[in-house]
PDB file of N, CA and C in Angstrom:
ATOM      1  N   MET A   1      94.696  58.795 124.994  1.00  0.00           N
ATOM      2  CA  MET A   1      93.262  58.963 124.879  1.00  0.00           C
ATOM      3  C   MET A   1      92.724  59.855 125.981  1.00  0.00           C
ATOM      4  N   SER A   2      93.320  59.867 127.127  1.00  0.00           N
ATOM      5  CA  SER A   2      92.770  60.606 128.260  1.00  0.00           C
ATOM      6  C   SER A   2      92.644  62.097 127.967  1.00  0.00           C
ATOM      7  N   GLY A   3      93.536  62.631 127.146  1.00  0.00           N
ATOM      8  CA  GLY A   3      93.458  64.039 126.803  1.00  0.00           C
ATOM      9  C   GLY A   3      92.245  64.383 125.957  1.00  0.00           C
ATOM     10  N   MET A   4      91.708  63.378 125.258  1.00  0.00           N
ATOM     11  CA  MET A   4      90.578  63.611 124.365  1.00  0.00           C
ATOM     12  C   MET A   4      89.238  63.438 125.066  1.00  0.00           C
ATOM     13  N   VAL A   5      89.215  62.903 126.265  1.00  0.00           N
ATOM     14  CA  VAL A   5      87.948  62.594 126.931  1.00  0.00           C
ATOM     15  C   VAL A   5      87.065  63.819 127.043  1.00  0.00           C
ATOM     16  N   LYS A   6      87.655  64.975 127.293  1.00  0.00           N
ATOM     17  CA  LYS A   6      86.863  66.195 127.435  1.00  0.00           C
ATOM     18  C   LYS A   6      86.211  66.619 126.121  1.00  0.00           C
ATOM     19  N   TYR A   7      86.614  66.007 125.023  1.00  0.00           N
ATOM     20  CA  TYR A   7      86.090  66.390 123.721  1.00  0.00           C
ATOM     21  C   TYR A   7      84.679  65.875 123.466  1.00  0.00           C
ATOM     22  N   PHE A   8      84.306  64.803 124.135  1.00  0.00           N
ATOM     23  CA  PHE A   8      82.989  64.258 123.822  1.00  0.00           C
ATOM     24  C   PHE A   8      82.190  63.898 125.065  1.00  0.00           C
ATOM     25  N   TRP A   9      80.886  63.816 124.853  1.00  0.00           N
ATOM     26  CA  TRP A   9      79.968  63.376 125.897  1.00  0.00           C
ATOM     27  C   TRP A   9      79.261  62.127 125.382  1.00  0.00           C
ATOM     28  N   THR A  10      78.738  61.353 126.323  1.00  0.00           N
ATOM     29  CA  THR A  10      77.937  60.190 125.946  1.00  0.00           C
ATOM     30  C   THR A  10      76.646  60.213 126.745  1.00  0.00           C
ATOM     31  N   GLU A  11      75.599  59.677 126.148  1.00  0.00           N
ATOM     32  CA  GLU A  11      74.342  59.507 126.876  1.00  0.00           C
ATOM     33  C   GLU A  11      73.616  58.301 126.325  1.00  0.00           C
ATOM     34  N   ALA A  12      72.832  57.668 127.171  1.00  0.00           N
ATOM     35  CA  ALA A  12      72.052  56.506 126.749  1.00  0.00           C
ATOM     36  C   ALA A  12      70.875  56.973 125.904  1.00  0.00           C
ATOM     37  N   VAL A  13      70.675  56.313 124.762  1.00  0.00           N
ATOM     38  CA  VAL A  13      69.523  56.553 123.907  1.00  0.00           C
ATOM     39  C   VAL A  13      68.909  55.200 123.576  1.00  0.00           C
ATOM     40  N   ASP A  14      67.748  55.214 122.909  1.00  0.00           N
ATOM     41  CA  ASP A  14      67.028  53.967 122.631  1.00  0.00           C
ATOM     42  C   ASP A  14      67.874  52.929 121.920  1.00  0.00           C
ATOM     43  N   ASP A  15      68.718  53.378 120.984  1.00  0.00           N
ATOM     44  CA  ASP A  15      69.490  52.409 120.203  1.00  0.00           C
ATOM     45  C   ASP A  15      70.946  52.316 120.631  1.00  0.00           C
ATOM     46  N   GLY A  16      71.229  52.692 121.888  1.00  0.00           N
ATOM     47  CA  GLY A  16      72.593  52.509 122.383  1.00  0.00           C
ATOM     48  C   GLY A  16      73.131  53.718 123.103  1.00  0.00           C
ATOM     49  N   THR A  17      74.350  54.115 122.737  1.00  0.00           N
ATOM     50  CA  THR A  17      75.035  55.237 123.362  1.00  0.00           C
ATOM     51  C   THR A  17      75.253  56.321 122.319  1.00  0.00           C
ATOM     52  N   ARG A  18      74.777  57.523 122.616  1.00  0.00           N
ATOM     53  CA  ARG A  18      74.996  58.664 121.715  1.00  0.00           C
ATOM     54  C   ARG A  18      76.301  59.348 122.100  1.00  0.00           C
ATOM     55  N   ILE A  19      77.092  59.693 121.103  1.00  0.00           N
ATOM     56  CA  ILE A  19      78.397  60.325 121.318  1.00  0.00           C
ATOM     57  C   ILE A  19      78.370  61.694 120.656  1.00  0.00           C
ATOM     58  N   GLY A  20      78.693  62.721 121.448  1.00  0.00           N
ATOM     59  CA  GLY A  20      78.655  64.074 120.916  1.00  0.00           C
ATOM     60  C   GLY A  20      79.844  64.904 121.349  1.00  0.00           C
ATOM     61  N   LEU A  21      79.891  66.116 120.850  1.00  0.00           N
ATOM     62  CA  LEU A  21      81.005  67.028 121.091  1.00  0.00           C
ATOM     63  C   LEU A  21      80.670  67.972 122.241  1.00  0.00           C
ATOM     64  N   THR A  22      81.586  68.088 123.184  1.00  0.00           N
ATOM     65  CA  THR A  22      81.380  68.990 124.324  1.00  0.00           C
ATOM     66  C   THR A  22      81.753  70.422 123.947  1.00  0.00           C
ATOM     67  N   THR A  23      81.332  71.376 124.776  1.00  0.00           N
ATOM     68  CA  THR A  23      81.724  72.773 124.548  1.00  0.00           C
ATOM     69  C   THR A  23      83.239  72.915 124.690  1.00  0.00           C
ATOM     70  N   GLU A  24      83.859  72.119 125.575  1.00  0.00           N
ATOM     71  CA  GLU A  24      85.323  72.136 125.702  1.00  0.00           C
ATOM     72  C   GLU A  24      85.970  71.686 124.401  1.00  0.00           C
ATOM     73  N   GLY A  25      85.389  70.667 123.792  1.00  0.00           N
ATOM     74  CA  GLY A  25      85.892  70.192 122.511  1.00  0.00           C
ATOM     75  C   GLY A  25      85.752  71.252 121.432  1.00  0.00           C
ATOM     76  N   GLN A  26      84.604  71.919 121.434  1.00  0.00           N
ATOM     77  CA  GLN A  26      84.388  73.006 120.466  1.00  0.00           C
ATOM     78  C   GLN A  26      85.430  74.104 120.654  1.00  0.00           C
ATOM     79  N   ASP A  27      85.660  74.485 121.903  1.00  0.00           N
ATOM     80  CA  ASP A  27      86.627  75.545 122.200  1.00  0.00           C
ATOM     81  C   ASP A  27      88.035  75.148 121.782  1.00  0.00           C
ATOM     82  N   GLU A  28      88.390  73.900 122.066  1.00  0.00           N
ATOM     83  CA  GLU A  28      89.738  73.404 121.784  1.00  0.00           C
ATOM     84  C   GLU A  28      89.999  73.304 120.282  1.00  0.00           C
ATOM     85  N   LEU A  29      88.986  72.829 119.550  1.00  0.00           N
ATOM     86  CA  LEU A  29      89.163  72.578 118.125  1.00  0.00           C
ATOM     87  C   LEU A  29      88.931  73.816 117.267  1.00  0.00           C
ATOM     88  N   GLY A  30      88.070  74.708 117.732  1.00  0.00           N
ATOM     89  CA  GLY A  30      87.639  75.818 116.888  1.00  0.00           C
ATOM     90  C   GLY A  30      86.495  75.354 116.000  1.00  0.00           C
ATOM     91  N   SER A  31      86.126  76.174 115.052  1.00  0.00           N
ATOM     92  CA  SER A  31      84.993  75.875 114.177  1.00  0.00           C
ATOM     93  C   SER A  31      85.283  74.652 113.313  1.00  0.00           C
ATOM     94  N   ILE A  32      84.392  73.672 113.364  1.00  0.00           N
ATOM     95  CA  ILE A  32      84.582  72.444 112.600  1.00  0.00           C
ATOM     96  C   ILE A  32      84.088  72.655 111.172  1.00  0.00           C
ATOM     97  N   LYS A  33      84.973  72.364 110.225  1.00  0.00           N
ATOM     98  CA  LYS A  33      84.677  72.547 108.805  1.00  0.00           C
ATOM     99  C   LYS A  33      84.273  71.232 108.134  1.00  0.00           C
ATOM    100  N   PHE A  34      84.782  70.124 108.674  1.00  0.00           N
ATOM    101  CA  PHE A  34      84.545  68.826 108.047  1.00  0.00           C
ATOM    102  C   PHE A  34      84.694  67.741 109.100  1.00  0.00           C
ATOM    103  N   ALA A  35      83.887  66.710 108.992  1.00  0.00           N
ATOM    104  CA  ALA A  35      84.030  65.543 109.869  1.00  0.00           C
ATOM    105  C   ALA A  35      83.892  64.282 109.033  1.00  0.00           C
ATOM    106  N   LYS A  36      84.835  63.373 109.195  1.00  0.00           N
ATOM    107  CA  LYS A  36      84.758  62.062 108.534  1.00  0.00           C
ATOM    108  C   LYS A  36      84.171  61.105 109.552  1.00  0.00           C
ATOM    109  N   LEU A  37      82.917  60.734 109.304  1.00  0.00           N
ATOM    110  CA  LEU A  37      82.154  59.938 110.258  1.00  0.00           C
ATOM    111  C   LEU A  37      82.051  58.490 109.794  1.00  0.00           C
ATOM    112  N   PRO A  38      81.847  57.576 110.752  1.00  0.00           N
ATOM    113  CA  PRO A  38      81.552  56.203 110.352  1.00  0.00           C
ATOM    114  C   PRO A  38      80.140  56.150 109.750  1.00  0.00           C
ATOM    115  N   THR A  39      79.785  55.037 109.155  1.00  0.00           N
ATOM    116  CA  THR A  39      78.438  54.877 108.608  1.00  0.00           C
ATOM    117  C   THR A  39      77.675  53.842 109.424  1.00  0.00           C
ATOM    118  N   VAL A  40      76.360  53.873 109.294  1.00  0.00           N
ATOM    119  CA  VAL A  40      75.512  52.921 110.008  1.00  0.00           C
ATOM    120  C   VAL A  40      75.931  51.508 109.630  1.00  0.00           C
ATOM    121  N   GLY A  41      76.084  50.673 110.650  1.00  0.00           N
ATOM    122  CA  GLY A  41      76.515  49.297 110.432  1.00  0.00           C
ATOM    123  C   GLY A  41      77.993  49.074 110.692  1.00  0.00           C
ATOM    124  N   ASP A  42      78.776  50.159 110.709  1.00  0.00           N
ATOM    125  CA  ASP A  42      80.203  50.034 111.006  1.00  0.00           C
ATOM    126  C   ASP A  42      80.404  49.552 112.436  1.00  0.00           C
ATOM    127  N   THR A  43      81.463  48.784 112.641  1.00  0.00           N
ATOM    128  CA  THR A  43      81.836  48.348 113.981  1.00  0.00           C
ATOM    129  C   THR A  43      82.954  49.256 114.483  1.00  0.00           C
ATOM    130  N   VAL A  44      82.815  49.705 115.730  1.00  0.00           N
ATOM    131  CA  VAL A  44      83.848  50.551 116.332  1.00  0.00           C
ATOM    132  C   VAL A  44      84.351  49.885 117.600  1.00  0.00           C
ATOM    133  N   LYS A  45      85.600  50.180 117.932  1.00  0.00           N
ATOM    134  CA  LYS A  45      86.198  49.616 119.144  1.00  0.00           C
ATOM    135  C   LYS A  45      86.641  50.737 120.063  1.00  0.00           C
ATOM    136  N   GLN A  46      86.392  50.544 121.352  1.00  0.00           N
ATOM    137  CA  GLN A  46      86.791  51.537 122.345  1.00  0.00           C
ATOM    138  C   GLN A  46      88.279  51.817 122.236  1.00  0.00           C
ATOM    139  N   GLY A  47      88.630  53.106 122.198  1.00  0.00           N
ATOM    140  CA  GLY A  47      90.022  53.508 122.132  1.00  0.00           C
ATOM    141  C   GLY A  47      90.567  53.626 120.723  1.00  0.00           C
ATOM    142  N   GLU A  48      89.851  53.041 119.744  1.00  0.00           N
ATOM    143  CA  GLU A  48      90.279  53.154 118.355  1.00  0.00           C
ATOM    144  C   GLU A  48      89.579  54.346 117.712  1.00  0.00           C
ATOM    145  N   ASN A  49      90.060  54.769 116.555  1.00  0.00           N
ATOM    146  CA  ASN A  49      89.538  55.971 115.921  1.00  0.00           C
ATOM    147  C   ASN A  49      88.063  55.824 115.556  1.00  0.00           C
ATOM    148  N   LEU A  50      87.250  56.748 116.045  1.00  0.00           N
ATOM    149  CA  LEU A  50      85.820  56.768 115.730  1.00  0.00           C
ATOM    150  C   LEU A  50      85.552  57.694 114.553  1.00  0.00           C
ATOM    151  N   LEU A  51      86.176  58.865 114.587  1.00  0.00           N
ATOM    152  CA  LEU A  51      85.961  59.849 113.540  1.00  0.00           C
ATOM    153  C   LEU A  51      87.108  60.833 113.506  1.00  0.00           C
ATOM    154  N   SER A  52      87.182  61.572 112.415  1.00  0.00           N
ATOM    155  CA  SER A  52      88.184  62.608 112.262  1.00  0.00           C
ATOM    156  C   SER A  52      87.467  63.920 112.006  1.00  0.00           C
ATOM    157  N   VAL A  53      87.933  64.980 112.634  1.00  0.00           N
ATOM    158  CA  VAL A  53      87.354  66.296 112.397  1.00  0.00           C
ATOM    159  C   VAL A  53      88.431  67.254 111.922  1.00  0.00           C
ATOM    160  N   GLU A  54      88.046  68.105 110.990  1.00  0.00           N
ATOM    161  CA  GLU A  54      88.936  69.151 110.510  1.00  0.00           C
ATOM    162  C   GLU A  54      88.346  70.471 110.980  1.00  0.00           C
ATOM    163  N   ALA A  55      89.119  71.191 111.776  1.00  0.00           N
ATOM    164  CA  ALA A  55      88.637  72.426 112.376  1.00  0.00           C
ATOM    165  C   ALA A  55      89.640  73.546 112.163  1.00  0.00           C
ATOM    166  N   ASP A  56      89.277  74.737 112.636  1.00  0.00           N
ATOM    167  CA  ASP A  56      90.149  75.910 112.489  1.00  0.00           C
ATOM    168  C   ASP A  56      91.551  75.647 113.013  1.00  0.00           C
ATOM    169  N   LYS A  57      91.632  75.003 114.177  1.00  0.00           N
ATOM    170  CA  LYS A  57      92.910  74.905 114.874  1.00  0.00           C
ATOM    171  C   LYS A  57      93.686  73.615 114.603  1.00  0.00           C
ATOM    172  N   ALA A  58      92.974  72.566 114.190  1.00  0.00           N
ATOM    173  CA  ALA A  58      93.661  71.281 114.046  1.00  0.00           C
ATOM    174  C   ALA A  58      92.792  70.275 113.314  1.00  0.00           C
ATOM    175  N   VAL A  59      93.450  69.241 112.802  1.00  0.00           N
ATOM    176  CA  VAL A  59      92.754  68.044 112.347  1.00  0.00           C
ATOM    177  C   VAL A  59      92.954  67.021 113.445  1.00  0.00           C
ATOM    178  N   SER A  60      91.863  66.472 113.957  1.00  0.00           N
ATOM    179  CA  SER A  60      91.956  65.571 115.103  1.00  0.00           C
ATOM    180  C   SER A  60      91.219  64.273 114.852  1.00  0.00           C
ATOM    181  N   ASP A  61      91.840  63.187 115.276  1.00  0.00           N
ATOM    182  CA  ASP A  61      91.169  61.889 115.321  1.00  0.00           C
ATOM    183  C   ASP A  61      90.592  61.739 116.714  1.00  0.00           C
ATOM    184  N   ILE A  62      89.324  61.352 116.784  1.00  0.00           N
ATOM    185  CA  ILE A  62      88.669  61.209 118.084  1.00  0.00           C
ATOM    186  C   ILE A  62      88.396  59.731 118.323  1.00  0.00           C
ATOM    187  N   PRO A  63      88.933  59.177 119.423  1.00  0.00           N
ATOM    188  CA  PRO A  63      88.744  57.759 119.706  1.00  0.00           C
ATOM    189  C   PRO A  63      87.338  57.478 120.225  1.00  0.00           C
ATOM    190  N   SER A  64      86.874  56.277 119.996  1.00  0.00           N
ATOM    191  CA  SER A  64      85.549  55.888 120.468  1.00  0.00           C
ATOM    192  C   SER A  64      85.575  55.589 121.966  1.00  0.00           C
ATOM    193  N   PRO A  65      84.600  56.124 122.710  1.00  0.00           N
ATOM    194  CA  PRO A  65      84.528  55.813 124.138  1.00  0.00           C
ATOM    195  C   PRO A  65      83.883  54.457 124.424  1.00  0.00           C
ATOM    196  N   VAL A  66      83.294  53.828 123.396  1.00  0.00           N
ATOM    197  CA  VAL A  66      82.611  52.541 123.564  1.00  0.00           C
ATOM    198  C   VAL A  66      82.922  51.642 122.368  1.00  0.00           C
ATOM    199  N   SER A  67      82.659  50.347 122.538  1.00  0.00           N
ATOM    200  CA  SER A  67      82.757  49.387 121.440  1.00  0.00           C
ATOM    201  C   SER A  67      81.362  48.958 121.040  1.00  0.00           C
ATOM    202  N   GLY A  68      81.148  48.757 119.745  1.00  0.00           N
ATOM    203  CA  GLY A  68      79.854  48.297 119.286  1.00  0.00           C
ATOM    204  C   GLY A  68      79.642  48.595 117.818  1.00  0.00           C
ATOM    205  N   ARG A  69      78.346  48.658 117.445  1.00  0.00           N
ATOM    206  CA  ARG A  69      77.970  48.874 116.049  1.00  0.00           C
ATOM    207  C   ARG A  69      77.252  50.208 115.931  1.00  0.00           C
ATOM    208  N   VAL A  70      77.624  50.988 114.919  1.00  0.00           N
ATOM    209  CA  VAL A  70      76.990  52.286 114.689  1.00  0.00           C
ATOM    210  C   VAL A  70      75.548  52.053 114.219  1.00  0.00           C
ATOM    211  N   THR A  71      74.595  52.630 114.949  1.00  0.00           N
ATOM    212  CA  THR A  71      73.180  52.464 114.599  1.00  0.00           C
ATOM    213  C   THR A  71      72.567  53.730 114.025  1.00  0.00           C
ATOM    214  N   ALA A  72      73.229  54.878 114.215  1.00  0.00           N
ATOM    215  CA  ALA A  72      72.716  56.134 113.664  1.00  0.00           C
ATOM    216  C   ALA A  72      73.858  57.120 113.513  1.00  0.00           C
ATOM    217  N   VAL A  73      73.739  57.961 112.495  1.00  0.00           N
ATOM    218  CA  VAL A  73      74.651  59.079 112.288  1.00  0.00           C
ATOM    219  C   VAL A  73      73.779  60.330 112.262  1.00  0.00           C
ATOM    220  N   ASN A  74      74.214  61.379 112.922  1.00  0.00           N
ATOM    221  CA  ASN A  74      73.431  62.610 112.999  1.00  0.00           C
ATOM    222  C   ASN A  74      73.088  63.100 111.587  1.00  0.00           C
ATOM    223  N   PRO A  75      71.780  63.105 111.226  1.00  0.00           N
ATOM    224  CA  PRO A  75      71.409  63.523 109.868  1.00  0.00           C
ATOM    225  C   PRO A  75      71.723  64.987 109.579  1.00  0.00           C
ATOM    226  N   ALA A  76      71.836  65.797 110.620  1.00  0.00           N
ATOM    227  CA  ALA A  76      72.155  67.218 110.429  1.00  0.00           C
ATOM    228  C   ALA A  76      73.547  67.409 109.849  1.00  0.00           C
ATOM    229  N   LEU A  77      74.409  66.387 109.983  1.00  0.00           N
ATOM    230  CA  LEU A  77      75.790  66.497 109.505  1.00  0.00           C
ATOM    231  C   LEU A  77      75.942  66.081 108.042  1.00  0.00           C
ATOM    232  N   ALA A  78      74.836  65.692 107.413  1.00  0.00           N
ATOM    233  CA  ALA A  78      74.894  65.253 106.015  1.00  0.00           C
ATOM    234  C   ALA A  78      75.182  66.417 105.070  1.00  0.00           C
ATOM    235  N   THR A  79      74.737  67.615 105.437  1.00  0.00           N
ATOM    236  CA  THR A  79      74.885  68.758 104.534  1.00  0.00           C
ATOM    237  C   THR A  79      75.917  69.772 105.010  1.00  0.00           C
ATOM    238  N   ASP A  80      76.036  69.950 106.322  1.00  0.00           N
ATOM    239  CA  ASP A  80      77.041  70.856 106.868  1.00  0.00           C
ATOM    240  C   ASP A  80      77.326  70.467 108.311  1.00  0.00           C
ATOM    241  N   PHE A  81      78.249  71.170 108.930  1.00  0.00           N
ATOM    242  CA  PHE A  81      78.677  70.796 110.277  1.00  0.00           C
ATOM    243  C   PHE A  81      78.335  71.864 111.306  1.00  0.00           C
ATOM    244  N   ASP A  82      77.360  72.724 110.961  1.00  0.00           N
ATOM    245  CA  ASP A  82      76.956  73.799 111.868  1.00  0.00           C
ATOM    246  C   ASP A  82      76.488  73.279 113.224  1.00  0.00           C
ATOM    247  N   ALA A  83      75.846  72.105 113.241  1.00  0.00           N
ATOM    248  CA  ALA A  83      75.341  71.550 114.510  1.00  0.00           C
ATOM    249  C   ALA A  83      76.475  71.325 115.510  1.00  0.00           C
ATOM    250  N   LEU A  84      77.680  71.079 115.004  1.00  0.00           N
ATOM    251  CA  LEU A  84      78.823  70.839 115.887  1.00  0.00           C
ATOM    252  C   LEU A  84      79.430  72.129 116.413  1.00  0.00           C
ATOM    253  N   ASN A  85      79.035  73.242 115.834  1.00  0.00           N
ATOM    254  CA  ASN A  85      79.633  74.521 116.207  1.00  0.00           C
ATOM    255  C   ASN A  85      78.702  75.411 117.021  1.00  0.00           C
ATOM    256  N   GLY A  86      77.477  74.943 117.257  1.00  0.00           N
ATOM    257  CA  GLY A  86      76.495  75.768 117.950  1.00  0.00           C
ATOM    258  C   GLY A  86      76.571  75.641 119.461  1.00  0.00           C
ATOM    259  N   GLN A  87      75.727  76.424 120.132  1.00  0.00           N
ATOM    260  CA  GLN A  87      75.686  76.420 121.597  1.00  0.00           C
ATOM    261  C   GLN A  87      74.926  75.219 122.157  1.00  0.00           C
ATOM    262  N   ASP A  88      74.096  74.586 121.346  1.00  0.00           N
ATOM    263  CA  ASP A  88      73.271  73.467 121.805  1.00  0.00           C
ATOM    264  C   ASP A  88      74.075  72.177 121.733  1.00  0.00           C
ATOM    265  N   THR A  89      74.680  71.792 122.863  1.00  0.00           N
ATOM    266  CA  THR A  89      75.528  70.593 122.836  1.00  0.00           C
ATOM    267  C   THR A  89      74.710  69.328 122.581  1.00  0.00           C
ATOM    268  N   ALA A  90      73.420  69.330 122.915  1.00  0.00           N
ATOM    269  CA  ALA A  90      72.590  68.153 122.643  1.00  0.00           C
ATOM    270  C   ALA A  90      72.462  67.911 121.140  1.00  0.00           C
ATOM    271  N   ALA A  91      72.537  68.979 120.351  1.00  0.00           N
ATOM    272  CA  ALA A  91      72.453  68.857 118.889  1.00  0.00           C
ATOM    273  C   ALA A  91      73.797  68.481 118.280  1.00  0.00           C
ATOM    274  N   ALA A  92      74.871  68.624 119.063  1.00  0.00           N
ATOM    275  CA  ALA A  92      76.226  68.406 118.554  1.00  0.00           C
ATOM    276  C   ALA A  92      76.647  66.956 118.755  1.00  0.00           C
ATOM    277  N   TRP A  93      75.828  66.040 118.225  1.00  0.00           N
ATOM    278  CA  TRP A  93      76.164  64.621 118.347  1.00  0.00           C
ATOM    279  C   TRP A  93      76.622  64.071 117.003  1.00  0.00           C
ATOM    280  N   PHE A  94      77.474  63.030 117.105  1.00  0.00           N
ATOM    281  CA  PHE A  94      78.033  62.410 115.909  1.00  0.00           C
ATOM    282  C   PHE A  94      77.260  61.155 115.536  1.00  0.00           C
ATOM    283  N   VAL A  95      77.288  60.182 116.445  1.00  0.00           N
ATOM    284  CA  VAL A  95      76.739  58.856 116.141  1.00  0.00           C
ATOM    285  C   VAL A  95      76.121  58.235 117.392  1.00  0.00           C
ATOM    286  N   ASP A  96      75.260  57.247 117.132  1.00  0.00           N
ATOM    287  CA  ASP A  96      74.778  56.354 118.178  1.00  0.00           C
ATOM    288  C   ASP A  96      75.444  55.010 117.963  1.00  0.00           C
ATOM    289  N   VAL A  97      75.876  54.374 119.064  1.00  0.00           N
ATOM    290  CA  VAL A  97      76.552  53.073 118.990  1.00  0.00           C
ATOM    291  C   VAL A  97      75.828  52.092 119.909  1.00  0.00           C
ATOM    292  N   GLN A  98      75.403  50.967 119.341  1.00  0.00           N
ATOM    293  CA  GLN A  98      74.830  49.864 120.130  1.00  0.00           C
ATOM    294  C   GLN A  98      75.999  49.060 120.656  1.00  0.00           C
ATOM    295  N   GLU A  99      76.192  49.098 121.982  1.00  0.00           N
ATOM    296  CA  GLU A  99      77.363  48.458 122.563  1.00  0.00           C
ATOM    297  C   GLU A  99      77.268  46.936 122.472  1.00  0.00           C
ATOM    298  N   ASP A 100      78.458  46.320 122.337  1.00  0.00           N
ATOM    299  CA  ASP A 100      78.546  44.847 122.278  1.00  0.00           C
ATOM    300  C   ASP A 100      78.037  44.223 123.547  1.00  0.00           C
TER     301      ASP A 100
END
């Protein structure tokens, strides 16, 4: 898991912890074409698979940095994954998790 830590960032938000993709993650993966995300209400465990991304360079499973319940999924990812490929890392978020 330690090799994947650079792939995501976390920040506190009203409904828990927001998890997003870092510029290092973008560089490492290449352009993201598809992401298999959890849904609101799903339970995630730290260190276990949070989501899978399919990108130019690889298909990668990304482990969750926290344990808890998914409270939000980035609505921008419902139609395409451009938000994950842009320069605005604040927009490149996957999910919010309310920690246990």
